[in-house]
Amino acid sequence: MPARSATPARRSASPHRPRTPRRLVAALALAAATATLIAGCTSGGGSGTIDKTAPTHLKGTVSLWHFFTDREAKVVQTAIDGFEKANPDVTVTIHAGQDDEKLQKAISSGQSIDVGLSYTTAIVGSFCSSGAFRDLGPYVKRDKVDLNDIPKAERDYTEYQGTRCTLPVLADVSALMYNKAQFAAAGITEPPKTLDELKADALKLTTYNADGSIKTLGFNPLIDFYENSPEHWSPMIDGQWLAKDGSSLIGKSGGWKKLLTWQKDFVDEIGYDKLRSFTSGLGQEFSADNAFQTGQVAMQIDGEYRSAFIADQAPDLDYGTAPTPVLDGVGHYGASYVAGNVAGIAKGSKNPELAWALLKYLATDTDTQVALANGLKNTPTLTSALTSSKLEVDENYRTFIDAAANEHTITSPATTDGAAYLKTFQDAWNDYQEHGGDLTKILKKVDADIDAANQLAGP
């Protein structure tokens, strides 16, 4: 996705969604391009010496840079009001509407920034390795912060090679959304659990015009449609990305090969050109004429934020949610892919103790996480918040909450080049779905290209 999502027509009623790597082509490029610049302006990942004990009384001014605007910024402001109320001698200076590009440039130029909140996990590798964000390890250890309250996937994507320079602040989780009315009309009584069921249901739900063109599509199998991506499809096969040494596992994985084969067969059965022609006429993902919201596509993989868009833009849509279907015997049904917002203390912070107190409040306070999730309509990144009775959970949101808490839910690992391997894989998949070819050779080249890029980027 672009660095910012398309602005909905009624922004005040639409949710923010943390940006995930596939949909952040611009952010991936930015993270890679600025990694060297940041490394040249900062050194090391350590936070220096810190007080042996946390301050008993907080006093002073601390800055928070974040990317939220409009209604969403007001939700964040409410959380900050709570922090200032608990610490009456502290003033938080908020810099809203600061996207990742502005944040990265400000840090690399030495501006005084205390806490920075990013909308993508793509920055974690470069920020941790360069020291742009401080190592939070000493603070975590000193204050005995229980990181086990953070689900494993979120713990994984907020650190890089043993250095924890960020904490998660809400996340996106993907799942299947389906049109109940179209299911009933087609005689389908429950959402698909396996990929074979997904394909069979999708073909049954697909209708055609008199000229043979697609009228309505059961499920769009094109890997570059809306949220379709290697990341969001990875739970279908419990997809693995990189080995501990950073080398690519994609071509060595039988699961990925089976998934691409299934997808290509699906595309070919309907016809690539026919699918591309139909897709080209659909509305933009974050517009009111989103194809699922208009009924032109009966099923799609999407995030929890979609429910808020539907409530605003298509309130009469009769839909349900279910876990992402999986390759039978390979994936873990009920699990998902997760990524989200990350926050850290900037290298040049002049108020690191205040910055840490604010960051800890946003990321590790259960009630704060619940309030943010209720207001922003994303999933909390604390188990205690996911299970809180204060969290507003309806039937459709429950699917995403359960997936977020699932022990098999996965993410994609950070690299210093902004997880550029995701785009390498995406590009190869795009070409394969159109032109086909020797899949073994294609995936072997994906591995080789990723390995060469990771070696060039360095540790």
Protein backbone atom coordinates (compact mmCIF):
# COMPACT_ATOMS: atom_id res chain seq x y z
CA MET A 1 0.00 0.00 0.00
CA PRO A 2 1.14 3.60 -0.33
CA ALA A 3 2.64 5.34 2.66
CA ARG A 4 -0.84 6.49 3.62
CA SER A 5 -4.06 4.69 2.88
CA ALA A 6 -6.66 6.29 0.69
CA THR A 7 -8.61 8.80 2.74
CA PRO A 8 -12.22 7.62 3.22
CA ALA A 9 -14.95 10.03 2.23
CA ARG A 10 -16.08 10.37 5.81
CA ARG A 11 -12.77 10.34 7.61
CA SER A 12 -14.25 11.08 11.04
CA ALA A 13 -16.07 7.77 11.02
CA SER A 14 -13.34 5.60 9.57
CA PRO A 15 -10.68 3.70 11.48
CA HIS A 16 -6.94 3.85 11.30
CA ARG A 17 -5.25 0.64 10.40
CA PRO A 18 -1.61 -0.11 11.09
CA ARG A 19 0.16 -0.55 7.81
CA THR A 20 1.40 -3.97 6.86
CA PRO A 21 4.55 -4.62 4.83
CA ARG A 22 3.10 -5.79 1.47
CA ARG A 23 0.91 -2.75 1.27
CA LEU A 24 3.79 -0.47 2.12
CA VAL A 25 5.85 -0.53 -1.05
CA ALA A 26 6.73 3.11 -0.48
CA ALA A 27 7.58 2.50 3.15
CA LEU A 28 9.75 -0.49 2.28
CA ALA A 29 11.73 1.61 -0.16
CA LEU A 30 12.00 4.43 2.34
CA ALA A 31 13.20 2.17 5.13
CA ALA A 32 15.88 0.73 2.88
CA ALA A 33 16.94 4.11 1.51
CA THR A 34 17.22 5.77 4.90
CA ALA A 35 18.91 2.91 6.76
CA THR A 36 22.35 4.03 5.61
CA LEU A 37 21.58 7.67 6.31
CA ILE A 38 20.42 6.92 9.85
CA ALA A 39 23.38 4.66 10.47
CA GLY A 40 25.68 7.47 9.42
CA CYS A 41 24.09 9.87 11.89
CA THR A 42 23.84 7.51 14.83
CA SER A 43 25.91 4.70 16.17
CA GLY A 44 25.15 1.63 18.20
CA GLY A 45 21.86 0.41 19.53
CA GLY A 46 22.38 1.11 23.19
CA SER A 47 20.50 3.63 25.27
CA GLY A 48 23.52 4.56 27.39
CA THR A 49 23.39 4.46 31.15
CA ILE A 50 20.01 4.75 32.83
CA ASP A 51 19.03 5.29 36.45
CA LYS A 52 19.14 2.13 38.53
CA THR A 53 15.61 2.78 39.69
CA ALA A 54 12.69 4.38 37.89
CA PRO A 55 11.85 7.94 38.98
CA THR A 56 9.18 8.07 41.66
CA HIS A 57 7.91 11.40 40.37
CA LEU A 58 7.76 12.45 36.74
CA LYS A 59 8.21 16.08 35.79
CA GLY A 60 8.92 17.95 32.58
CA THR A 61 7.96 17.94 28.91
CA VAL A 62 8.07 15.01 26.53
CA SER A 63 7.23 14.90 22.82
CA LEU A 64 5.22 12.30 20.94
CA TRP A 65 5.40 12.07 17.16
CA HIS A 66 2.60 10.03 15.56
CA PHE A 67 0.87 9.74 12.20
CA PHE A 68 -2.79 9.87 13.25
CA THR A 69 -5.04 12.71 12.10
CA ASP A 70 -8.59 13.93 12.59
CA ARG A 71 -10.82 11.59 14.62
CA GLU A 72 -8.03 9.13 15.23
CA ALA A 73 -5.76 11.84 16.60
CA LYS A 74 -8.49 12.70 19.07
CA VAL A 75 -8.53 9.10 20.28
CA VAL A 76 -4.79 9.26 20.89
CA GLN A 77 -5.20 12.63 22.60
CA THR A 78 -7.69 11.08 25.02
CA ALA A 79 -5.10 8.46 25.96
CA ILE A 80 -2.47 11.17 26.45
CA ASP A 81 -4.90 13.11 28.63
CA GLY A 82 -5.02 10.08 30.88
CA PHE A 83 -1.22 9.98 31.10
CA GLU A 84 -1.03 13.68 31.99
CA LYS A 85 -3.77 13.26 34.58
CA ALA A 86 -1.80 10.48 36.24
CA ASN A 87 1.35 12.62 36.03
CA PRO A 88 0.19 16.23 36.60
CA ASP A 89 3.71 17.67 36.36
CA VAL A 90 4.26 16.23 32.88
CA THR A 91 3.31 17.92 29.63
CA VAL A 92 3.15 15.88 26.43
CA THR A 93 3.81 17.85 23.25
CA ILE A 94 2.10 16.07 20.38
CA HIS A 95 3.22 16.23 16.76
CA ALA A 96 0.31 14.63 14.89
CA GLY A 97 0.19 13.72 11.22
CA GLN A 98 3.89 12.83 11.08
CA ASP A 99 4.27 9.91 8.69
CA ASP A 100 7.26 7.59 8.66
CA GLU A 101 9.17 9.65 6.12
CA LYS A 102 8.96 12.75 8.31
CA LEU A 103 9.86 10.75 11.42
CA GLN A 104 12.88 9.14 9.81
CA LYS A 105 14.18 12.39 8.38
CA ALA A 106 13.72 14.18 11.69
CA ILE A 107 15.63 11.51 13.61
CA SER A 108 18.44 11.30 11.06
CA SER A 109 18.85 15.09 11.09
CA GLY A 110 19.24 15.12 14.87
CA GLN A 111 15.96 16.79 15.81
CA SER A 112 14.87 16.43 19.41
CA ILE A 113 12.26 13.67 19.35
CA ASP A 114 11.31 11.65 22.40
CA VAL A 115 8.75 9.01 21.39
CA GLY A 116 8.09 8.11 17.76
CA LEU A 117 5.10 6.01 16.68
CA SER A 118 5.39 4.33 13.28
CA TYR A 119 2.67 2.63 11.25
CA THR A 120 4.88 -0.16 9.92
CA THR A 121 7.08 -2.92 11.23
CA ALA A 122 9.32 -2.44 8.16
CA ILE A 123 11.44 0.12 10.02
CA VAL A 124 12.33 -2.12 12.96
CA GLY A 125 15.41 -3.76 11.43
CA SER A 126 17.02 -0.50 10.33
CA PHE A 127 16.04 1.47 13.44
CA CYS A 128 17.26 -1.20 15.87
CA SER A 129 20.52 -1.91 14.07
CA SER A 130 21.41 1.75 13.49
CA GLY A 131 20.46 2.99 16.95
CA ALA A 132 17.86 5.44 15.59
CA PHE A 133 15.60 4.03 18.28
CA ARG A 134 17.21 3.29 21.65
CA ASP A 135 17.62 -0.20 23.03
CA LEU A 136 14.71 -0.64 25.45
CA GLY A 137 16.22 -3.72 27.07
CA PRO A 138 17.70 -1.90 30.09
CA TYR A 139 14.38 -0.19 30.82
CA VAL A 140 12.41 -3.42 30.43
CA LYS A 141 14.77 -5.24 32.77
CA ARG A 142 14.91 -2.46 35.37
CA ASP A 143 11.15 -2.01 35.56
CA LYS A 144 10.44 -5.74 35.32
CA VAL A 145 8.06 -5.27 32.39
CA ASP A 146 6.23 -8.51 31.63
CA LEU A 147 6.86 -8.98 27.92
CA ASN A 148 4.99 -12.28 28.09
CA ASP A 149 1.77 -10.24 28.12
CA ILE A 150 2.61 -9.35 24.52
CA PRO A 151 1.67 -12.18 22.09
CA LYS A 152 4.67 -13.91 20.55
CA ALA A 153 4.21 -12.59 17.01
CA GLU A 154 4.16 -8.99 18.26
CA ARG A 155 7.20 -9.63 20.43
CA ASP A 156 8.97 -10.97 17.36
CA TYR A 157 8.29 -8.03 15.06
CA THR A 158 9.28 -5.38 17.61
CA GLU A 159 12.90 -6.50 18.00
CA TYR A 160 15.79 -7.25 15.68
CA GLN A 161 18.61 -9.72 16.33
CA GLY A 162 18.16 -9.56 20.09
CA THR A 163 17.77 -5.78 20.31
CA ARG A 164 14.35 -4.56 21.38
CA CYS A 165 14.08 -0.98 20.20
CA THR A 166 10.30 -0.83 19.88
CA LEU A 167 7.10 -1.96 21.57
CA PRO A 168 3.81 -2.67 19.77
CA VAL A 169 0.87 -0.27 20.03
CA LEU A 170 -2.15 -2.00 18.41
CA ALA A 171 -2.09 -4.31 15.42
CA ASP A 172 -3.86 -5.54 12.30
CA VAL A 173 -4.98 -9.15 11.97
CA SER A 174 -6.33 -10.65 8.75
CA ALA A 175 -9.25 -13.05 8.31
CA LEU A 176 -11.94 -14.05 5.83
CA MET A 177 -15.00 -11.85 5.30
CA TYR A 178 -18.00 -13.31 3.49
CA ASN A 179 -21.36 -12.09 2.20
CA LYS A 180 -24.08 -13.99 4.09
CA ALA A 181 -26.84 -13.13 1.64
CA GLN A 182 -24.85 -14.45 -1.33
CA PHE A 183 -23.93 -17.57 0.62
CA ALA A 184 -27.60 -18.27 1.37
CA ALA A 185 -28.60 -17.70 -2.25
CA ALA A 186 -25.96 -20.20 -3.38
CA GLY A 187 -26.97 -22.75 -0.73
CA ILE A 188 -23.65 -22.47 1.13
CA THR A 189 -24.27 -22.92 4.86
CA GLU A 190 -20.88 -22.13 6.40
CA PRO A 191 -17.64 -20.34 5.50
CA PRO A 192 -14.84 -22.43 3.97
CA LYS A 193 -12.14 -23.82 6.25
CA THR A 194 -9.77 -25.25 3.63
CA LEU A 195 -8.40 -23.91 0.36
CA ASP A 196 -10.27 -26.57 -1.60
CA GLU A 197 -13.52 -25.44 0.03
CA LEU A 198 -12.63 -21.80 -0.64
CA LYS A 199 -12.14 -22.47 -4.34
CA ALA A 200 -15.29 -24.61 -4.64
CA ASP A 201 -17.43 -22.00 -2.87
CA ALA A 202 -15.88 -19.17 -4.87
CA LEU A 203 -16.61 -20.83 -8.20
CA LYS A 204 -20.18 -21.53 -7.09
CA LEU A 205 -20.64 -17.89 -6.10
CA THR A 206 -19.18 -16.48 -9.33
CA THR A 207 -21.67 -15.30 -11.94
CA TYR A 208 -21.16 -14.19 -15.54
CA ASN A 209 -22.63 -11.73 -17.97
CA ALA A 210 -24.08 -12.84 -21.31
CA ASP A 211 -20.76 -12.08 -23.03
CA GLY A 212 -18.86 -14.36 -20.63
CA SER A 213 -17.32 -11.58 -18.58
CA ILE A 214 -17.48 -11.78 -14.80
CA LYS A 215 -20.53 -10.22 -13.18
CA THR A 216 -19.83 -11.12 -9.54
CA LEU A 217 -16.80 -12.96 -8.20
CA GLY A 218 -16.86 -15.44 -5.34
CA PHE A 219 -13.24 -14.74 -4.36
CA ASN A 220 -10.57 -12.86 -6.26
CA PRO A 221 -7.47 -15.11 -6.44
CA LEU A 222 -5.15 -12.46 -7.89
CA ILE A 223 -2.34 -12.02 -5.37
CA ASP A 224 -2.21 -8.25 -5.87
CA PHE A 225 -5.91 -7.60 -5.24
CA TYR A 226 -6.65 -5.45 -2.17
CA GLU A 227 -5.20 -7.29 0.86
CA ASN A 228 -4.16 -10.40 -1.08
CA SER A 229 -0.43 -10.73 -0.48
CA PRO A 230 2.16 -13.33 0.51
CA GLU A 231 1.96 -12.06 4.10
CA HIS A 232 -1.81 -12.22 4.46
CA TRP A 233 -1.92 -15.60 2.74
CA SER A 234 0.97 -17.03 4.78
CA PRO A 235 -1.35 -18.46 7.50
CA MET A 236 -2.83 -20.72 4.79
CA ILE A 237 0.37 -22.77 4.94
CA ASP A 238 2.01 -21.54 8.16
CA GLY A 239 4.41 -19.82 5.78
CA GLN A 240 8.06 -19.40 6.77
CA TRP A 241 10.25 -16.62 5.46
CA LEU A 242 13.87 -16.52 6.63
CA ALA A 243 16.22 -18.87 8.45
CA LYS A 244 18.09 -17.70 11.55
CA ASP A 245 21.06 -16.75 9.37
CA GLY A 246 18.79 -14.52 7.24
CA SER A 247 18.69 -16.81 4.21
CA SER A 248 15.40 -17.25 2.40
CA LEU A 249 13.24 -20.29 3.13
CA ILE A 250 10.56 -19.50 0.56
CA GLY A 251 11.87 -21.68 -2.26
CA LYS A 252 12.82 -24.44 0.15
CA SER A 253 9.29 -24.61 1.55
CA GLY A 254 6.94 -27.19 0.14
CA GLY A 255 4.07 -25.17 1.56
CA TRP A 256 4.75 -22.06 -0.52
CA LYS A 257 5.05 -24.13 -3.68
CA LYS A 258 1.73 -25.84 -2.97
CA LEU A 259 0.05 -22.49 -2.27
CA LEU A 260 1.30 -20.90 -5.49
CA THR A 261 0.24 -23.98 -7.43
CA TRP A 262 -3.26 -23.83 -5.91
CA GLN A 263 -3.54 -20.12 -6.63
CA LYS A 264 -2.32 -20.43 -10.23
CA ASP A 265 -4.76 -23.27 -10.93
CA PHE A 266 -7.56 -21.11 -9.49
CA VAL A 267 -6.56 -18.14 -11.68
CA ASP A 268 -6.31 -20.32 -14.79
CA GLU A 269 -9.72 -21.94 -14.21
CA ILE A 270 -11.42 -18.54 -14.40
CA GLY A 271 -8.89 -16.92 -16.74
CA TYR A 272 -6.20 -14.36 -15.91
CA ASP A 273 -7.33 -11.82 -18.51
CA LYS A 274 -10.95 -12.17 -17.44
CA LEU A 275 -9.99 -11.67 -13.77
CA ARG A 276 -7.79 -8.70 -14.59
CA SER A 277 -10.51 -7.07 -16.65
CA PHE A 278 -13.05 -7.52 -13.85
CA THR A 279 -10.64 -6.28 -11.19
CA SER A 280 -9.76 -3.16 -13.17
CA GLY A 281 -13.38 -2.04 -12.97
CA LEU A 282 -13.70 -2.38 -9.19
CA GLY A 283 -13.65 0.44 -6.69
CA GLN A 284 -10.59 1.42 -4.68
CA GLU A 285 -9.99 -0.58 -1.53
CA PHE A 286 -10.66 2.27 0.90
CA SER A 287 -13.48 3.92 -1.01
CA ALA A 288 -17.20 3.45 -0.38
CA ASP A 289 -17.37 1.28 -3.52
CA ASN A 290 -14.98 -1.34 -2.17
CA ALA A 291 -15.92 -4.49 -4.11
CA PHE A 292 -16.85 -6.50 -1.02
CA GLN A 293 -19.00 -3.67 0.29
CA THR A 294 -20.86 -3.40 -3.04
CA GLY A 295 -21.39 -7.16 -3.34
CA GLN A 296 -19.23 -7.53 -6.45
CA VAL A 297 -16.89 -9.88 -4.53
CA ALA A 298 -18.48 -12.32 -2.10
CA MET A 299 -15.39 -13.22 -0.04
CA GLN A 300 -12.11 -11.50 0.67
CA ILE A 301 -9.18 -11.58 3.08
CA ASP A 302 -9.21 -8.36 5.08
CA GLY A 303 -8.43 -6.80 8.44
CA GLU A 304 -10.51 -6.00 11.50
CA TYR A 305 -10.68 -2.35 10.45
CA ARG A 306 -12.97 -3.28 7.53
CA SER A 307 -15.92 -3.66 9.92
CA ALA A 308 -15.70 0.02 10.77
CA PHE A 309 -15.61 0.96 7.08
CA ILE A 310 -18.67 -1.21 6.49
CA ALA A 311 -20.52 0.36 9.42
CA ASP A 312 -19.86 3.77 7.90
CA GLN A 313 -20.11 3.09 4.17
CA ALA A 314 -22.31 -0.02 3.78
CA PRO A 315 -24.31 -0.38 7.02
CA ASP A 316 -26.90 -2.70 5.44
CA LEU A 317 -24.34 -5.27 4.28
CA ASP A 318 -25.11 -8.71 5.74
CA TYR A 319 -21.69 -10.25 6.29
CA GLY A 320 -19.73 -12.52 8.56
CA THR A 321 -16.10 -13.19 9.44
CA ALA A 322 -14.19 -16.44 9.82
CA PRO A 323 -10.57 -17.54 10.14
CA THR A 324 -8.45 -17.61 6.99
CA PRO A 325 -8.90 -20.94 5.16
CA VAL A 326 -5.82 -23.16 5.20
CA LEU A 327 -4.17 -25.82 3.08
CA ASP A 328 -5.49 -29.03 4.57
CA GLY A 329 -2.91 -30.59 6.88
CA VAL A 330 -0.47 -27.68 6.58
CA GLY A 331 -1.89 -24.46 8.00
CA HIS A 332 -3.33 -23.88 11.46
CA TYR A 333 -7.00 -22.94 11.11
CA GLY A 334 -7.80 -20.05 13.42
CA ALA A 335 -4.34 -18.49 13.18
CA SER A 336 -3.57 -15.40 11.14
CA TYR A 337 -0.94 -12.91 10.04
CA VAL A 338 -0.31 -9.89 12.26
CA ALA A 339 1.62 -6.64 11.90
CA GLY A 340 1.03 -3.15 13.22
CA ASN A 341 2.17 0.05 14.85
CA VAL A 342 5.49 0.19 16.67
CA ALA A 343 6.86 2.89 18.96
CA GLY A 344 10.31 3.66 20.29
CA ILE A 345 12.48 6.24 22.00
CA ALA A 346 14.48 8.30 19.52
CA LYS A 347 18.26 8.30 19.83
CA GLY A 348 18.35 12.06 20.41
CA SER A 349 15.72 12.15 23.15
CA LYS A 350 16.61 14.69 25.84
CA ASN A 351 14.03 13.21 28.19
CA PRO A 352 14.55 9.45 27.96
CA GLU A 353 12.96 8.65 31.34
CA LEU A 354 9.83 10.61 30.47
CA ALA A 355 9.87 9.05 27.00
CA TRP A 356 10.08 5.58 28.50
CA ALA A 357 7.24 6.31 30.92
CA LEU A 358 5.01 7.48 28.06
CA LEU A 359 5.97 4.58 25.81
CA LYS A 360 5.37 2.08 28.61
CA TYR A 361 1.96 3.64 29.26
CA LEU A 362 0.89 3.35 25.62
CA ALA A 363 2.26 -0.14 25.05
CA THR A 364 1.94 -2.01 28.35
CA ASP A 365 -0.99 -0.50 30.25
CA THR A 366 -4.01 -2.76 29.75
CA ASP A 367 -6.73 -0.12 30.13
CA THR A 368 -4.90 2.24 27.78
CA GLN A 369 -4.63 -0.47 25.13
CA VAL A 370 -8.33 -1.27 25.48
CA ALA A 371 -9.32 2.39 25.16
CA LEU A 372 -7.14 2.82 22.06
CA ALA A 373 -8.51 -0.36 20.50
CA ASN A 374 -12.11 0.63 21.17
CA GLY A 375 -11.50 4.02 19.61
CA LEU A 376 -9.28 3.05 16.66
CA LYS A 377 -10.88 -0.35 15.94
CA ASN A 378 -7.62 -2.27 15.71
CA THR A 379 -6.60 -5.24 17.85
CA PRO A 380 -4.77 -4.73 21.17
CA THR A 381 -1.19 -5.96 21.49
CA LEU A 382 -1.50 -7.19 25.06
CA THR A 383 -3.07 -10.52 25.99
CA SER A 384 -4.58 -8.87 29.06
CA ALA A 385 -6.28 -6.33 26.78
CA LEU A 386 -7.46 -8.99 24.32
CA THR A 387 -9.24 -10.75 27.16
CA SER A 388 -10.44 -7.63 28.99
CA SER A 389 -14.17 -7.34 29.71
CA LYS A 390 -13.86 -3.65 28.78
CA LEU A 391 -12.93 -4.46 25.17
CA GLU A 392 -15.90 -3.89 22.87
CA VAL A 393 -16.24 -7.16 20.96
CA ASP A 394 -19.07 -8.13 18.60
CA GLU A 395 -19.40 -11.39 16.68
CA ASN A 396 -17.39 -10.25 13.66
CA TYR A 397 -14.63 -8.59 15.71
CA ARG A 398 -14.31 -11.78 17.80
CA THR A 399 -12.73 -13.62 14.86
CA PHE A 400 -9.83 -11.15 14.79
CA ILE A 401 -9.43 -11.06 18.57
CA ASP A 402 -9.26 -14.86 18.72
CA ALA A 403 -6.74 -14.91 15.85
CA ALA A 404 -4.61 -12.26 17.56
CA ALA A 405 -4.43 -14.47 20.64
CA ASN A 406 -3.77 -17.68 18.70
CA GLU A 407 -0.36 -19.17 19.45
CA HIS A 408 0.14 -20.06 15.77
CA THR A 409 -0.47 -16.53 14.46
CA ILE A 410 2.61 -15.41 12.55
CA THR A 411 4.39 -12.33 11.29
CA SER A 412 7.27 -11.61 8.90
CA PRO A 413 10.78 -11.00 10.26
CA ALA A 414 12.54 -7.65 10.13
CA THR A 415 15.64 -6.95 8.04
CA THR A 416 17.86 -3.89 7.78
CA ASP A 417 16.59 -3.16 4.27
CA GLY A 418 13.00 -2.74 5.42
CA ALA A 419 11.91 -6.36 4.80
CA ALA A 420 12.42 -5.85 1.06
CA TYR A 421 12.29 -9.63 0.59
CA LEU A 422 8.50 -9.33 0.74
CA LYS A 423 8.44 -7.22 -2.41
CA THR A 424 10.89 -9.58 -4.13
CA PHE A 425 8.53 -12.47 -3.48
CA GLN A 426 5.46 -10.42 -4.41
CA ASP A 427 6.97 -9.38 -7.75
CA ALA A 428 7.84 -12.98 -8.65
CA TRP A 429 4.36 -14.16 -7.69
CA ASN A 430 2.73 -11.44 -9.78
CA ASP A 431 4.69 -12.57 -12.81
CA TYR A 432 3.96 -16.25 -12.18
CA GLN A 433 0.20 -15.81 -11.87
CA GLU A 434 0.18 -14.17 -15.30
CA HIS A 435 2.79 -16.07 -17.26
CA GLY A 436 3.33 -19.32 -15.37
CA GLY A 437 6.67 -21.10 -15.76
CA ASP A 438 8.83 -23.58 -13.88
CA LEU A 439 7.79 -22.85 -10.30
CA THR A 440 10.76 -24.66 -8.79
CA LYS A 441 13.17 -22.45 -10.76
CA ILE A 442 11.15 -19.32 -10.01
CA LEU A 443 11.21 -19.90 -6.26
CA LYS A 444 14.89 -20.86 -6.37
CA LYS A 445 15.61 -17.49 -7.99
CA VAL A 446 13.48 -15.76 -5.33
CA ASP A 447 15.70 -17.32 -2.67
CA ALA A 448 18.87 -16.31 -4.52
CA ASP A 449 17.70 -12.72 -5.02
CA ILE A 450 16.66 -12.37 -1.38
CA ASP A 451 19.91 -13.84 -0.11
CA ALA A 452 21.97 -11.51 -2.30
CA ALA A 453 19.99 -8.47 -1.13
CA ASN A 454 20.27 -9.44 2.53
CA GLN A 455 24.04 -9.91 2.21
CA LEU A 456 24.33 -6.52 0.59
CA ALA A 457 22.23 -4.86 3.30
CA GLY A 458 24.37 -6.40 6.03
CA PRO A 459 23.49 -7.53 9.57
